[in-house]
Protein backbone atom coordinates (compact mmCIF):
# COMPACT_ATOMS: atom_id res chain seq x y z
CA MET A 1 -29.70 4.54 -2.28
CA ALA A 2 -30.20 1.04 -3.67
CA PHE A 3 -27.53 1.84 -6.27
CA ALA A 4 -24.98 2.50 -3.53
CA TYR A 5 -25.85 -0.71 -1.69
CA THR A 6 -25.57 -2.68 -4.92
CA LEU A 7 -22.13 -1.18 -5.59
CA ILE A 8 -20.97 -1.89 -2.05
CA VAL A 9 -22.09 -5.53 -2.20
CA LEU A 10 -20.48 -5.94 -5.64
CA LEU A 11 -17.31 -4.29 -4.33
CA VAL A 12 -17.08 -6.70 -1.38
CA ILE A 13 -17.68 -9.73 -3.59
CA THR A 14 -15.12 -8.65 -6.19
CA SER A 15 -12.58 -7.77 -3.47
CA VAL A 16 -12.75 -11.26 -1.99
CA LEU A 17 -12.72 -12.87 -5.44
CA LEU A 18 -9.79 -10.75 -6.58
CA THR A 19 -7.82 -11.69 -3.47
CA MET A 20 -8.46 -15.38 -4.10
CA LEU A 21 -7.50 -15.10 -7.78
CA VAL A 22 -4.26 -13.29 -6.99
CA LEU A 23 -3.34 -15.95 -4.43
CA LEU A 24 -3.91 -18.65 -7.04
CA HIS A 25 -1.30 -17.17 -9.37
CA ARG A 26 2.05 -18.85 -9.70
CA GLY A 27 4.87 -16.84 -8.26
CA LYS A 28 8.59 -17.38 -8.63
CA GLY A 29 8.40 -20.60 -6.65
CA GLY A 30 5.26 -21.97 -8.31
CA GLY A 31 2.39 -20.91 -6.01
CA LEU A 32 -1.06 -22.25 -5.38
CA SER A 33 -1.98 -22.54 -9.07
CA SER A 34 0.23 -25.61 -9.35
CA MET A 35 -2.15 -27.33 -6.94
CA PHE A 36 -4.91 -27.15 -9.58
CA GLY A 37 -2.84 -28.19 -12.58
CA GLY A 38 -1.48 -24.76 -13.41
CA GLY A 39 2.09 -25.75 -12.62
CA VAL A 40 2.42 -28.17 -15.53
CA SER A 41 3.53 -26.29 -18.62
CA SER A 42 1.79 -27.31 -21.83
CA SER A 43 3.42 -24.92 -24.30
CA LEU A 44 6.91 -23.75 -25.13
CA ALA A 45 6.12 -20.25 -23.88
CA GLY A 46 6.04 -21.50 -20.31
CA SER A 47 2.42 -20.74 -19.39
CA SER A 48 -0.39 -23.26 -19.38
CA VAL A 49 -3.98 -22.84 -20.47
CA ALA A 50 -5.07 -22.81 -16.83
CA GLU A 51 -2.64 -19.98 -16.08
CA LYS A 52 -3.83 -17.97 -19.09
CA ASN A 53 -7.46 -18.40 -18.06
CA LEU A 54 -6.56 -17.43 -14.50
CA ASP A 55 -4.93 -14.27 -15.89
CA ARG A 56 -8.08 -13.45 -17.89
CA TYR A 57 -10.38 -13.97 -14.90
CA THR A 58 -8.14 -11.87 -12.68
CA ILE A 59 -8.11 -9.01 -15.18
CA LEU A 60 -11.89 -9.18 -15.64
CA VAL A 61 -12.57 -9.15 -11.90
CA GLY A 62 -10.04 -6.32 -11.49
CA ILE A 63 -11.84 -4.21 -14.10
CA ILE A 64 -15.19 -4.82 -12.39
CA TRP A 65 -13.63 -3.96 -9.01
CA PHE A 66 -12.16 -0.74 -10.42
CA ALA A 67 -15.50 0.22 -12.00
CA CYS A 68 -17.21 -0.30 -8.62
CA ILE A 69 -14.67 1.96 -6.91
CA VAL A 70 -15.10 4.71 -9.52
CA GLY A 71 -18.90 4.36 -9.55
CA LEU A 72 -19.14 4.53 -5.78
CA GLY A 73 -16.82 7.55 -5.69
CA LEU A 74 -18.88 9.38 -8.32
CA TRP A 75 -22.12 8.49 -6.54
CA LEU A 76 -20.75 9.84 -3.25
CA LYS A 77 -19.56 13.02 -4.94
CA VAL A 78 -22.97 13.63 -6.47
CA ALA A 79 -24.74 12.75 -3.20
CA MET A 80 -22.57 15.17 -1.24
CA ALA A 81 -23.06 17.94 -3.81
CA THR A 82 -26.85 17.61 -3.72
CA GLY A 83 -27.03 17.10 0.02
CA ASN A 84 -28.72 13.70 -0.30
CA SER A 85 -27.36 10.61 1.34
């Protein structure tokens, strides 16, 4: 039971964090990331170090979020099969 609560808390935290990280990304018009220095391009490729790090953090949090979803789904499946809740 503690495992499920841990996954739920981690899922809520990663959901909020993932939402914030996605909103920080620069869109076509140069979104909220330009507010924190992400709008200034420092390389010829067009993406700054801040934007690359933001991409990495977003991917990492997304993987953790996905693992929480899968883990919670598997836990519920096992709990339902055994009759425990």
